[in-house]
Amino acid sequence: LLTSHSLNPMLLTSMAIMSIALGGWMGLNQTQTRKILAFSSISHLGWMAIIIIYDPKLTLLAFYLYTLMTASIFLTMDSTNTLKLSTLMTSWTKTPMLSTTLMLTLLSLAGLPPLTGFLPKWLIIQELTKQEMTTVATTISMLSLLGLFFYLRLAYCSTITLPPNSPNKMKQWSTKKQINTSISMLTLLSISLLPLS
């Protein structure tokens, strides 16, 4: 951030596009939630790197909002003990409200319009268009569809998929963790900051 004025714009742009593409492609075939979110971080880093030369404050805004949304997702997954997609599929029956807010936060992280995650992507595309980099803006917009796919897969697994119920299976004891106010506040902010702004 401090040396952004001395960076080579062409090199940084090409590395940012490769970062967005790598994060999107590698996250498609993952089944562990930590790996999916790691490749999501690589993709979001590309969004931040592509705009750092032209508007460093926008990079900070994108970083802050991404940190807010990711912290909300990690705290939610920690409270439901979710490590894989298979365990995410069973969380709906245990904590339906938390799974619903997880779905909305994941869609916000994907950058869908009525949610907070759309704000930095929209501003970055707008700034790239002002800098007459329309093809770059179109390229990263199309590459973000890869990330949208695995966010939609996570959202589908967290809310719509129900585990099979067999009557002869013994019911497991569930130890419910207290849903603390930090998850509630982070989720609320990560869903509703765009409409509020």
N, C-alpha and C. Protein backbone atom coordinates (compact mmCIF):
# COMPACT_ATOMS: atom_id res chain seq x y z
N LEU A 1 0.83 -1.19 0.00
CA LEU A 1 0.00 0.00 0.00
C LEU A 1 0.88 1.26 0.00
N LEU A 2 1.97 1.24 0.77
CA LEU A 2 2.84 2.41 0.83
C LEU A 2 3.66 2.59 -0.43
N THR A 3 3.96 1.51 -1.12
CA THR A 3 4.78 1.59 -2.34
C THR A 3 3.94 1.43 -3.60
N SER A 4 2.64 1.65 -3.49
CA SER A 4 1.77 1.40 -4.65
C SER A 4 2.05 2.34 -5.80
N HIS A 5 2.56 3.53 -5.53
CA HIS A 5 2.83 4.49 -6.60
C HIS A 5 4.03 4.10 -7.46
N SER A 6 4.89 3.24 -6.93
CA SER A 6 6.10 2.85 -7.67
C SER A 6 5.99 1.48 -8.32
N LEU A 7 4.81 0.88 -8.29
CA LEU A 7 4.64 -0.44 -8.88
C LEU A 7 4.38 -0.34 -10.38
N ASN A 8 4.74 -1.39 -11.10
CA ASN A 8 4.51 -1.46 -12.53
C ASN A 8 3.04 -1.81 -12.78
N PRO A 9 2.26 -0.92 -13.41
CA PRO A 9 0.82 -1.19 -13.57
C PRO A 9 0.52 -2.42 -14.42
N MET A 10 1.28 -2.64 -15.48
CA MET A 10 1.01 -3.77 -16.36
C MET A 10 1.29 -5.10 -15.65
N LEU A 11 2.39 -5.17 -14.92
CA LEU A 11 2.73 -6.38 -14.18
C LEU A 11 1.70 -6.66 -13.09
N LEU A 12 1.31 -5.63 -12.37
CA LEU A 12 0.35 -5.80 -11.29
C LEU A 12 -1.02 -6.21 -11.82
N THR A 13 -1.42 -5.64 -12.95
CA THR A 13 -2.70 -6.00 -13.54
C THR A 13 -2.72 -7.45 -13.99
N SER A 14 -1.64 -7.89 -14.65
CA SER A 14 -1.60 -9.28 -15.10
C SER A 14 -1.53 -10.25 -13.93
N MET A 15 -0.81 -9.90 -12.86
CA MET A 15 -0.76 -10.77 -11.69
C MET A 15 -2.11 -10.81 -10.97
N ALA A 16 -2.83 -9.69 -10.96
CA ALA A 16 -4.14 -9.66 -10.33
C ALA A 16 -5.14 -10.51 -11.10
N ILE A 17 -5.10 -10.45 -12.42
CA ILE A 17 -5.99 -11.28 -13.22
C ILE A 17 -5.68 -12.76 -13.02
N MET A 18 -4.38 -13.09 -12.97
CA MET A 18 -4.01 -14.49 -12.72
C MET A 18 -4.44 -14.94 -11.32
N SER A 19 -4.38 -14.04 -10.35
CA SER A 19 -4.81 -14.36 -8.99
C SER A 19 -6.31 -14.63 -8.94
N ILE A 20 -7.09 -13.80 -9.62
CA ILE A 20 -8.54 -14.00 -9.65
C ILE A 20 -8.88 -15.31 -10.36
N ALA A 21 -8.18 -15.59 -11.46
CA ALA A 21 -8.44 -16.83 -12.20
C ALA A 21 -8.02 -18.05 -11.39
N LEU A 22 -6.85 -18.00 -10.75
CA LEU A 22 -6.37 -19.14 -9.96
C LEU A 22 -7.29 -19.41 -8.78
N GLY A 23 -7.68 -18.36 -8.07
CA GLY A 23 -8.58 -18.54 -6.93
C GLY A 23 -9.91 -19.12 -7.34
N GLY A 24 -10.43 -18.69 -8.49
CA GLY A 24 -11.70 -19.21 -8.97
C GLY A 24 -11.62 -20.65 -9.43
N TRP A 25 -10.61 -20.96 -10.25
CA TRP A 25 -10.49 -22.31 -10.79
C TRP A 25 -10.16 -23.33 -9.70
N MET A 26 -9.28 -23.00 -8.80
CA MET A 26 -8.86 -23.97 -7.78
C MET A 26 -9.93 -24.19 -6.72
N GLY A 27 -10.80 -23.22 -6.52
CA GLY A 27 -11.85 -23.38 -5.52
C GLY A 27 -13.02 -24.22 -5.99
N LEU A 28 -13.08 -24.51 -7.29
CA LEU A 28 -14.24 -25.21 -7.82
C LEU A 28 -14.36 -26.66 -7.34
N ASN A 29 -13.25 -27.36 -7.24
CA ASN A 29 -13.30 -28.79 -6.97
C ASN A 29 -13.01 -29.14 -5.51
N GLN A 30 -13.03 -28.18 -4.62
CA GLN A 30 -12.69 -28.43 -3.22
C GLN A 30 -13.92 -28.90 -2.43
N THR A 31 -13.67 -29.71 -1.42
CA THR A 31 -14.75 -30.15 -0.53
C THR A 31 -14.54 -29.68 0.90
N GLN A 32 -13.35 -29.22 1.24
CA GLN A 32 -13.10 -28.69 2.58
C GLN A 32 -13.36 -27.19 2.57
N THR A 33 -14.09 -26.73 3.57
CA THR A 33 -14.49 -25.33 3.60
C THR A 33 -13.31 -24.39 3.79
N ARG A 34 -12.30 -24.82 4.54
CA ARG A 34 -11.13 -23.96 4.73
C ARG A 34 -10.38 -23.74 3.42
N LYS A 35 -10.28 -24.78 2.60
CA LYS A 35 -9.60 -24.63 1.31
C LYS A 35 -10.41 -23.75 0.37
N ILE A 36 -11.72 -23.89 0.41
CA ILE A 36 -12.57 -23.04 -0.43
C ILE A 36 -12.38 -21.58 -0.05
N LEU A 37 -12.37 -21.30 1.25
CA LEU A 37 -12.20 -19.92 1.69
C LEU A 37 -10.78 -19.43 1.46
N ALA A 38 -9.80 -20.33 1.44
CA ALA A 38 -8.42 -19.92 1.13
C ALA A 38 -8.32 -19.49 -0.33
N PHE A 39 -8.92 -20.25 -1.23
CA PHE A 39 -8.90 -19.85 -2.64
C PHE A 39 -9.78 -18.62 -2.89
N SER A 40 -10.79 -18.44 -2.05
CA SER A 40 -11.57 -17.21 -2.11
C SER A 40 -10.71 -16.01 -1.74
N SER A 41 -9.83 -16.19 -0.76
CA SER A 41 -8.92 -15.11 -0.37
C SER A 41 -7.95 -14.76 -1.49
N ILE A 42 -7.47 -15.78 -2.21
CA ILE A 42 -6.58 -15.52 -3.33
C ILE A 42 -7.31 -14.71 -4.41
N SER A 43 -8.54 -15.06 -4.66
CA SER A 43 -9.33 -14.34 -5.67
C SER A 43 -9.60 -12.90 -5.24
N HIS A 44 -9.97 -12.71 -3.98
CA HIS A 44 -10.24 -11.35 -3.51
C HIS A 44 -8.96 -10.51 -3.45
N LEU A 45 -7.84 -11.15 -3.21
CA LEU A 45 -6.57 -10.42 -3.25
C LEU A 45 -6.31 -9.85 -4.64
N GLY A 46 -6.70 -10.59 -5.66
CA GLY A 46 -6.57 -10.08 -7.03
C GLY A 46 -7.41 -8.83 -7.26
N TRP A 47 -8.63 -8.83 -6.70
CA TRP A 47 -9.48 -7.63 -6.81
C TRP A 47 -8.83 -6.43 -6.14
N MET A 48 -8.18 -6.67 -5.00
CA MET A 48 -7.53 -5.57 -4.29
C MET A 48 -6.26 -5.12 -5.00
N ALA A 49 -5.51 -6.07 -5.56
CA ALA A 49 -4.25 -5.73 -6.21
C ALA A 49 -4.46 -4.98 -7.52
N ILE A 50 -5.57 -5.22 -8.19
CA ILE A 50 -5.78 -4.61 -9.49
C ILE A 50 -6.09 -3.10 -9.37
N ILE A 51 -6.56 -2.68 -8.21
CA ILE A 51 -6.98 -1.29 -8.07
C ILE A 51 -6.04 -0.48 -7.18
N ILE A 52 -5.02 -1.12 -6.60
CA ILE A 52 -4.19 -0.45 -5.60
C ILE A 52 -3.43 0.74 -6.18
N ILE A 53 -3.06 0.68 -7.44
CA ILE A 53 -2.32 1.79 -8.05
C ILE A 53 -3.23 2.99 -8.27
N TYR A 54 -4.44 2.74 -8.67
CA TYR A 54 -5.34 3.82 -9.06
C TYR A 54 -6.09 4.43 -7.89
N ASP A 55 -6.43 3.63 -6.89
CA ASP A 55 -7.18 4.14 -5.75
C ASP A 55 -6.85 3.30 -4.50
N PRO A 56 -5.80 3.66 -3.76
CA PRO A 56 -5.43 2.87 -2.57
C PRO A 56 -6.51 2.86 -1.49
N LYS A 57 -7.30 3.92 -1.38
CA LYS A 57 -8.37 3.93 -0.38
C LYS A 57 -9.45 2.91 -0.71
N LEU A 58 -9.70 2.70 -1.97
CA LEU A 58 -10.66 1.69 -2.38
C LEU A 58 -10.14 0.28 -2.06
N THR A 59 -8.83 0.10 -2.17
CA THR A 59 -8.23 -1.17 -1.78
C THR A 59 -8.44 -1.43 -0.29
N LEU A 60 -8.25 -0.41 0.51
CA LEU A 60 -8.49 -0.56 1.96
C LEU A 60 -9.95 -0.85 2.26
N LEU A 61 -10.87 -0.19 1.55
CA LEU A 61 -12.29 -0.46 1.75
C LEU A 61 -12.61 -1.91 1.40
N ALA A 62 -12.07 -2.39 0.28
CA ALA A 62 -12.31 -3.78 -0.12
C ALA A 62 -11.72 -4.74 0.91
N PHE A 63 -10.54 -4.41 1.44
CA PHE A 63 -9.92 -5.27 2.46
C PHE A 63 -10.74 -5.30 3.73
N TYR A 64 -11.21 -4.15 4.19
CA TYR A 64 -12.00 -4.10 5.42
C TYR A 64 -13.31 -4.88 5.28
N LEU A 65 -13.99 -4.69 4.16
CA LEU A 65 -15.25 -5.40 3.97
C LEU A 65 -15.03 -6.90 3.81
N TYR A 66 -13.95 -7.28 3.12
CA TYR A 66 -13.66 -8.71 2.98
C TYR A 66 -13.32 -9.33 4.33
N THR A 67 -12.57 -8.63 5.15
CA THR A 67 -12.24 -9.12 6.49
C THR A 67 -13.49 -9.28 7.33
N LEU A 68 -14.39 -8.33 7.24
CA LEU A 68 -15.65 -8.39 7.98
C LEU A 68 -16.47 -9.61 7.59
N MET A 69 -16.62 -9.83 6.28
CA MET A 69 -17.43 -10.95 5.82
C MET A 69 -16.77 -12.29 6.12
N THR A 70 -15.46 -12.38 5.94
CA THR A 70 -14.76 -13.64 6.19
C THR A 70 -14.75 -13.99 7.67
N ALA A 71 -14.60 -13.00 8.53
CA ALA A 71 -14.65 -13.25 9.97
C ALA A 71 -16.02 -13.78 10.37
N SER A 72 -17.05 -13.22 9.78
CA SER A 72 -18.40 -13.70 10.07
C SER A 72 -18.58 -15.15 9.63
N ILE A 73 -18.06 -15.50 8.47
CA ILE A 73 -18.19 -16.87 7.97
C ILE A 73 -17.38 -17.84 8.83
N PHE A 74 -16.15 -17.47 9.17
CA PHE A 74 -15.32 -18.36 9.98
C PHE A 74 -15.91 -18.56 11.38
N LEU A 75 -16.44 -17.52 11.99
CA LEU A 75 -17.05 -17.67 13.31
C LEU A 75 -18.30 -18.54 13.25
N THR A 76 -19.07 -18.39 12.17
CA THR A 76 -20.26 -19.23 12.02
C THR A 76 -19.88 -20.69 11.82
N MET A 77 -18.89 -20.93 10.97
CA MET A 77 -18.47 -22.31 10.74
C MET A 77 -17.80 -22.92 11.96
N ASP A 78 -17.14 -22.10 12.75
CA ASP A 78 -16.55 -22.61 13.99
C ASP A 78 -17.62 -22.98 15.00
N SER A 79 -18.68 -22.19 15.07
CA SER A 79 -19.73 -22.49 16.05
C SER A 79 -20.54 -23.72 15.66
N THR A 80 -20.55 -24.08 14.37
CA THR A 80 -21.27 -25.29 13.94
C THR A 80 -20.32 -26.47 13.69
N ASN A 81 -19.04 -26.30 13.97
CA ASN A 81 -18.02 -27.34 13.77
C ASN A 81 -18.00 -27.85 12.33
N THR A 82 -18.01 -26.95 11.38
CA THR A 82 -18.04 -27.32 9.97
C THR A 82 -16.64 -27.30 9.40
N LEU A 83 -16.21 -28.44 8.86
CA LEU A 83 -14.92 -28.55 8.22
C LEU A 83 -15.04 -28.95 6.75
N LYS A 84 -16.08 -29.70 6.41
CA LYS A 84 -16.28 -30.18 5.05
C LYS A 84 -17.69 -29.86 4.60
N LEU A 85 -17.92 -30.01 3.31
CA LEU A 85 -19.25 -29.77 2.77
C LEU A 85 -20.26 -30.78 3.32
N SER A 86 -19.80 -31.99 3.61
CA SER A 86 -20.72 -33.00 4.13
C SER A 86 -21.24 -32.62 5.52
N THR A 87 -20.41 -32.01 6.35
CA THR A 87 -20.90 -31.57 7.65
C THR A 87 -21.69 -30.28 7.55
N LEU A 88 -21.42 -29.50 6.50
CA LEU A 88 -22.21 -28.29 6.29
C LEU A 88 -23.64 -28.65 5.90
N MET A 89 -23.82 -29.79 5.23
CA MET A 89 -25.16 -30.21 4.82
C MET A 89 -26.03 -30.58 6.00
N THR A 90 -25.45 -30.99 7.09
CA THR A 90 -26.24 -31.39 8.26
C THR A 90 -26.49 -30.25 9.24
N SER A 91 -25.90 -29.09 8.99
CA SER A 91 -26.05 -27.99 9.95
C SER A 91 -27.43 -27.34 9.89
N TRP A 92 -28.16 -27.54 8.80
CA TRP A 92 -29.48 -26.90 8.67
C TRP A 92 -30.44 -27.43 9.71
N THR A 93 -30.39 -28.72 9.99
CA THR A 93 -31.31 -29.29 10.96
C THR A 93 -30.97 -28.90 12.40
N LYS A 94 -29.70 -28.56 12.64
CA LYS A 94 -29.29 -28.21 14.00
C LYS A 94 -29.50 -26.73 14.30
N THR A 95 -29.09 -25.87 13.36
CA THR A 95 -29.20 -24.42 13.56
C THR A 95 -29.71 -23.77 12.28
N PRO A 96 -31.02 -23.77 12.07
CA PRO A 96 -31.55 -23.24 10.80
C PRO A 96 -31.35 -21.73 10.63
N MET A 97 -31.47 -20.96 11.69
CA MET A 97 -31.31 -19.51 11.56
C MET A 97 -29.87 -19.15 11.26
N LEU A 98 -28.94 -19.81 11.91
CA LEU A 98 -27.52 -19.57 11.66
C LEU A 98 -27.14 -19.99 10.25
N SER A 99 -27.72 -21.06 9.76
CA SER A 99 -27.46 -21.51 8.38
C SER A 99 -28.02 -20.52 7.37
N THR A 100 -29.14 -19.93 7.67
CA THR A 100 -29.72 -18.92 6.77
C THR A 100 -28.84 -17.68 6.70
N THR A 101 -28.36 -17.23 7.84
CA THR A 101 -27.47 -16.06 7.82
C THR A 101 -26.13 -16.40 7.18
N LEU A 102 -25.68 -17.65 7.33
CA LEU A 102 -24.45 -18.07 6.64
C LEU A 102 -24.64 -18.01 5.14
N MET A 103 -25.81 -18.44 4.66
CA MET A 103 -26.09 -18.38 3.23
C MET A 103 -26.06 -16.93 2.72
N LEU A 104 -26.67 -16.02 3.46
CA LEU A 104 -26.67 -14.62 3.05
C LEU A 104 -25.28 -14.02 3.08
N THR A 105 -24.48 -14.40 4.06
CA THR A 105 -23.11 -13.90 4.13
C THR A 105 -22.26 -14.45 3.00
N LEU A 106 -22.45 -15.71 2.64
CA LEU A 106 -21.73 -16.29 1.51
C LEU A 106 -22.12 -15.60 0.20
N LEU A 107 -23.39 -15.30 0.04
CA LEU A 107 -23.82 -14.59 -1.16
C LEU A 107 -23.29 -13.16 -1.17
N SER A 108 -23.13 -12.57 0.00
CA SER A 108 -22.51 -11.26 0.08
C SER A 108 -21.04 -11.33 -0.30
N LEU A 109 -20.35 -12.37 0.14
CA LEU A 109 -18.95 -12.56 -0.21
C LEU A 109 -18.79 -12.79 -1.71
N ALA A 110 -19.79 -13.40 -2.33
CA ALA A 110 -19.77 -13.60 -3.78
C ALA A 110 -19.93 -12.29 -4.53
N GLY A 111 -20.51 -11.30 -3.89
CA GLY A 111 -20.67 -9.99 -4.53
C GLY A 111 -21.99 -9.80 -5.23
N LEU A 112 -23.04 -10.43 -4.73
CA LEU A 112 -24.36 -10.25 -5.35
C LEU A 112 -24.94 -8.90 -4.95
N PRO A 113 -25.63 -8.23 -5.86
CA PRO A 113 -25.99 -6.82 -5.70
C PRO A 113 -26.68 -6.31 -4.45
N PRO A 114 -27.68 -6.92 -3.88
CA PRO A 114 -28.26 -6.21 -2.75
C PRO A 114 -27.46 -6.31 -1.46
N LEU A 115 -26.35 -7.04 -1.48
CA LEU A 115 -25.59 -7.29 -0.25
C LEU A 115 -24.29 -6.49 -0.23
N THR A 116 -23.61 -6.49 0.90
CA THR A 116 -22.44 -5.65 1.12
C THR A 116 -21.28 -5.96 0.19
N GLY A 117 -21.06 -7.23 -0.13
CA GLY A 117 -19.92 -7.61 -0.96
C GLY A 117 -19.95 -7.06 -2.37
N PHE A 118 -21.10 -6.59 -2.79
CA PHE A 118 -21.21 -5.99 -4.12
C PHE A 118 -20.55 -4.61 -4.17
N LEU A 119 -20.52 -3.91 -3.05
CA LEU A 119 -20.00 -2.53 -3.01
C LEU A 119 -18.56 -2.42 -3.49
N PRO A 120 -17.58 -3.17 -2.94
CA PRO A 120 -16.21 -2.99 -3.43
C PRO A 120 -16.04 -3.42 -4.89
N LYS A 121 -16.71 -4.49 -5.29
CA LYS A 121 -16.58 -4.94 -6.68
C LYS A 121 -17.16 -3.90 -7.65
N TRP A 122 -18.27 -3.33 -7.28
CA TRP A 122 -18.89 -2.31 -8.11
C TRP A 122 -17.99 -1.07 -8.22
N LEU A 123 -17.43 -0.64 -7.10
CA LEU A 123 -16.55 0.53 -7.12
C LEU A 123 -15.25 0.25 -7.88
N ILE A 124 -14.72 -0.98 -7.77
CA ILE A 124 -13.50 -1.33 -8.49
C ILE A 124 -13.76 -1.35 -10.00
N ILE A 125 -14.87 -1.93 -10.41
CA ILE A 125 -15.21 -1.95 -11.83
C ILE A 125 -15.45 -0.54 -12.34
N GLN A 126 -16.07 0.30 -11.55
CA GLN A 126 -16.31 1.69 -11.93
C GLN A 126 -14.99 2.45 -12.08
N GLU A 127 -14.05 2.24 -11.16
CA GLU A 127 -12.76 2.92 -11.25
C GLU A 127 -11.94 2.41 -12.43
N LEU A 128 -11.98 1.12 -12.70
CA LEU A 128 -11.27 0.59 -13.87
C LEU A 128 -11.85 1.14 -15.16
N THR A 129 -13.14 1.33 -15.21
CA THR A 129 -13.77 1.91 -16.40
C THR A 129 -13.36 3.37 -16.56
N LYS A 130 -13.24 4.09 -15.45
CA LYS A 130 -12.76 5.48 -15.53
C LYS A 130 -11.33 5.56 -16.04
N GLN A 131 -10.52 4.53 -15.71
CA GLN A 131 -9.13 4.49 -16.15
C GLN A 131 -8.99 3.92 -17.57
N GLU A 132 -10.11 3.75 -18.25
CA GLU A 132 -10.17 3.20 -19.61
C GLU A 132 -9.57 1.80 -19.69
N MET A 133 -9.90 0.99 -18.71
CA MET A 133 -9.48 -0.41 -18.66
C MET A 133 -10.73 -1.30 -18.70
N THR A 134 -11.55 -1.07 -19.71
CA THR A 134 -12.83 -1.77 -19.81
C THR A 134 -12.65 -3.27 -20.03
N THR A 135 -11.66 -3.66 -20.84
CA THR A 135 -11.45 -5.09 -21.08
C THR A 135 -10.98 -5.80 -19.81
N VAL A 136 -10.18 -5.13 -19.00
CA VAL A 136 -9.74 -5.72 -17.73
C VAL A 136 -10.93 -5.85 -16.78
N ALA A 137 -11.78 -4.82 -16.73
CA ALA A 137 -12.96 -4.87 -15.87
C ALA A 137 -13.90 -5.99 -16.31
N THR A 138 -14.06 -6.17 -17.61
CA THR A 138 -14.91 -7.25 -18.12
C THR A 138 -14.30 -8.61 -17.80
N THR A 139 -12.98 -8.72 -17.94
CA THR A 139 -12.31 -9.99 -17.67
C THR A 139 -12.45 -10.41 -16.21
N ILE A 140 -12.21 -9.48 -15.28
CA ILE A 140 -12.31 -9.86 -13.87
C ILE A 140 -13.76 -10.09 -13.46
N SER A 141 -14.69 -9.41 -14.13
CA SER A 141 -16.11 -9.66 -13.84
C SER A 141 -16.50 -11.07 -14.27
N MET A 142 -16.02 -11.48 -15.42
CA MET A 142 -16.32 -12.84 -15.90
C MET A 142 -15.62 -13.90 -15.03
N LEU A 143 -14.40 -13.61 -14.59
CA LEU A 143 -13.69 -14.56 -13.74
C LEU A 143 -14.32 -14.66 -12.35
N SER A 144 -15.01 -13.62 -11.93
CA SER A 144 -15.65 -13.68 -10.62
C SER A 144 -16.85 -14.63 -10.63
N LEU A 145 -17.31 -15.01 -11.82
CA LEU A 145 -18.39 -15.99 -11.90
C LEU A 145 -17.94 -17.36 -11.41
N LEU A 146 -16.64 -17.65 -11.54
CA LEU A 146 -16.11 -18.90 -10.99
C LEU A 146 -16.27 -18.93 -9.47
N GLY A 147 -15.93 -17.81 -8.83
CA GLY A 147 -16.12 -17.73 -7.39
C GLY A 147 -17.58 -17.78 -7.00
N LEU A 148 -18.43 -17.17 -7.82
CA LEU A 148 -19.86 -17.21 -7.54
C LEU A 148 -20.37 -18.64 -7.53
N PHE A 149 -19.81 -19.49 -8.40
CA PHE A 149 -20.25 -20.88 -8.45
C PHE A 149 -19.97 -21.59 -7.13
N PHE A 150 -18.74 -21.47 -6.60
CA PHE A 150 -18.50 -22.22 -5.37
C PHE A 150 -19.14 -21.56 -4.15
N TYR A 151 -19.42 -20.26 -4.19
CA TYR A 151 -20.20 -19.66 -3.11
C TYR A 151 -21.64 -20.15 -3.14
N LEU A 152 -22.19 -20.27 -4.35
CA LEU A 152 -23.55 -20.80 -4.47
C LEU A 152 -23.61 -22.26 -4.03
N ARG A 153 -22.54 -23.01 -4.32
CA ARG A 153 -22.50 -24.40 -3.86
C ARG A 153 -22.46 -24.47 -2.34
N LEU A 154 -21.67 -23.60 -1.71
CA LEU A 154 -21.65 -23.55 -0.25
C LEU A 154 -23.00 -23.13 0.32
N ALA A 155 -23.62 -22.13 -0.30
CA ALA A 155 -24.93 -21.67 0.17
C ALA A 155 -25.98 -22.76 0.00
N TYR A 156 -25.91 -23.49 -1.11
CA TYR A 156 -26.84 -24.60 -1.33
C TYR A 156 -26.65 -25.68 -0.28
N CYS A 157 -25.41 -26.02 0.00
CA CYS A 157 -25.14 -27.07 1.00
C CYS A 157 -25.54 -26.63 2.40
N SER A 158 -25.47 -25.34 2.68
CA SER A 158 -25.77 -24.89 4.05
C SER A 158 -27.27 -24.76 4.31
N THR A 159 -28.08 -24.59 3.27
CA THR A 159 -29.50 -24.34 3.54
C THR A 159 -30.45 -25.31 2.87
N ILE A 160 -30.20 -25.70 1.66
CA ILE A 160 -31.20 -26.44 0.91
C ILE A 160 -31.03 -27.95 1.06
N THR A 161 -29.83 -28.43 1.23
CA THR A 161 -29.60 -29.85 1.31
C THR A 161 -29.93 -30.36 2.71
N LEU A 162 -30.81 -31.34 2.79
CA LEU A 162 -31.14 -31.95 4.06
C LEU A 162 -30.54 -33.35 4.11
N PRO A 163 -30.01 -33.75 5.26
CA PRO A 163 -29.44 -35.10 5.35
C PRO A 163 -30.55 -36.15 5.34
N PRO A 164 -30.24 -37.35 4.90
CA PRO A 164 -31.27 -38.40 4.92
C PRO A 164 -31.61 -38.80 6.36
N ASN A 165 -32.89 -38.98 6.60
CA ASN A 165 -33.34 -39.37 7.94
C ASN A 165 -33.73 -40.85 7.92
N SER A 166 -33.07 -41.63 8.72
CA SER A 166 -33.46 -43.04 8.84
C SER A 166 -33.99 -43.25 10.24
N PRO A 167 -35.13 -43.91 10.39
CA PRO A 167 -35.75 -44.04 11.72
C PRO A 167 -34.97 -44.94 12.67
N ASN A 168 -34.16 -45.86 12.14
CA ASN A 168 -33.44 -46.75 13.04
C ASN A 168 -32.08 -46.21 13.46
N LYS A 169 -31.76 -45.03 13.04
CA LYS A 169 -30.47 -44.44 13.42
C LYS A 169 -30.60 -43.79 14.80
N MET A 170 -29.63 -44.01 15.63
CA MET A 170 -29.65 -43.45 16.97
C MET A 170 -29.37 -41.94 16.91
N LYS A 171 -30.15 -41.20 17.64
CA LYS A 171 -29.98 -39.75 17.64
C LYS A 171 -28.72 -39.38 18.41
N GLN A 172 -27.92 -38.50 17.80
CA GLN A 172 -26.68 -38.08 18.45
C GLN A 172 -26.96 -36.90 19.38
N TRP A 173 -26.18 -36.87 20.44
CA TRP A 173 -26.26 -35.73 21.34
C TRP A 173 -25.60 -34.54 20.67
N SER A 174 -26.25 -33.42 20.77
CA SER A 174 -25.64 -32.22 20.19
C SER A 174 -25.28 -31.27 21.31
N THR A 175 -24.08 -30.82 21.26
CA THR A 175 -23.64 -29.82 22.23
C THR A 175 -23.74 -28.47 21.56
N LYS A 176 -24.71 -27.69 21.95
CA LYS A 176 -24.92 -26.40 21.32
C LYS A 176 -24.00 -25.37 21.94
N LYS A 177 -23.30 -24.67 21.07
CA LYS A 177 -22.49 -23.56 21.54
C LYS A 177 -23.36 -22.32 21.57
N GLN A 178 -23.06 -21.46 22.45
CA GLN A 178 -23.78 -20.21 22.53
C GLN A 178 -23.41 -19.32 21.35
N ILE A 179 -24.39 -18.88 20.59
CA ILE A 179 -24.13 -17.98 19.48
C ILE A 179 -23.92 -16.59 20.07
N ASN A 180 -22.71 -16.13 19.95
CA ASN A 180 -22.38 -14.88 20.62
C ASN A 180 -22.73 -13.67 19.77
N THR A 181 -22.61 -12.53 20.39
CA THR A 181 -23.01 -11.29 19.72
C THR A 181 -22.06 -10.90 18.61
N SER A 182 -20.81 -11.38 18.65
CA SER A 182 -19.88 -11.01 17.58
C SER A 182 -20.32 -11.62 16.25
N ILE A 183 -20.81 -12.86 16.27
CA ILE A 183 -21.31 -13.46 15.03
C ILE A 183 -22.52 -12.67 14.54
N SER A 184 -23.39 -12.31 15.45
CA SER A 184 -24.60 -11.57 15.07
C SER A 184 -24.26 -10.21 14.46
N MET A 185 -23.36 -9.49 15.09
CA MET A 185 -23.01 -8.16 14.59
C MET A 185 -22.26 -8.24 13.26
N LEU A 186 -21.29 -9.16 13.15
CA LEU A 186 -20.54 -9.29 11.91
C LEU A 186 -21.44 -9.72 10.75
N THR A 187 -22.35 -10.64 11.02
CA THR A 187 -23.27 -11.08 9.98
C THR A 187 -24.20 -9.96 9.56
N LEU A 188 -24.70 -9.22 10.52
CA LEU A 188 -25.58 -8.11 10.19
C LEU A 188 -24.87 -7.07 9.34
N LEU A 189 -23.63 -6.76 9.69
CA LEU A 189 -22.87 -5.79 8.91
C LEU A 189 -22.52 -6.32 7.52
N SER A 190 -22.17 -7.60 7.45
CA SER A 190 -21.77 -8.14 6.16
C SER A 190 -22.94 -8.33 5.21
N ILE A 191 -24.13 -8.29 5.72
CA ILE A 191 -25.31 -8.40 4.85
C ILE A 191 -25.89 -7.04 4.51
N SER A 192 -25.89 -6.11 5.44
CA SER A 192 -26.69 -4.90 5.26
C SER A 192 -25.90 -3.60 5.11
N LEU A 193 -24.59 -3.63 4.95
CA LEU A 193 -23.86 -2.37 4.80
C LEU A 193 -24.14 -1.67 3.47
N LEU A 194 -24.32 -2.41 2.40
CA LEU A 194 -24.60 -1.77 1.11
C LEU A 194 -25.94 -1.05 1.11
N PRO A 195 -27.04 -1.67 1.57
CA PRO A 195 -28.29 -0.90 1.62
C PRO A 195 -28.22 0.30 2.55
N LEU A 196 -27.43 0.18 3.63
CA LEU A 196 -27.31 1.30 4.55
C LEU A 196 -26.49 2.45 3.95
N SER A 197 -25.52 2.10 3.09
CA SER A 197 -24.69 3.16 2.52
C SER A 197 -25.35 3.75 1.28
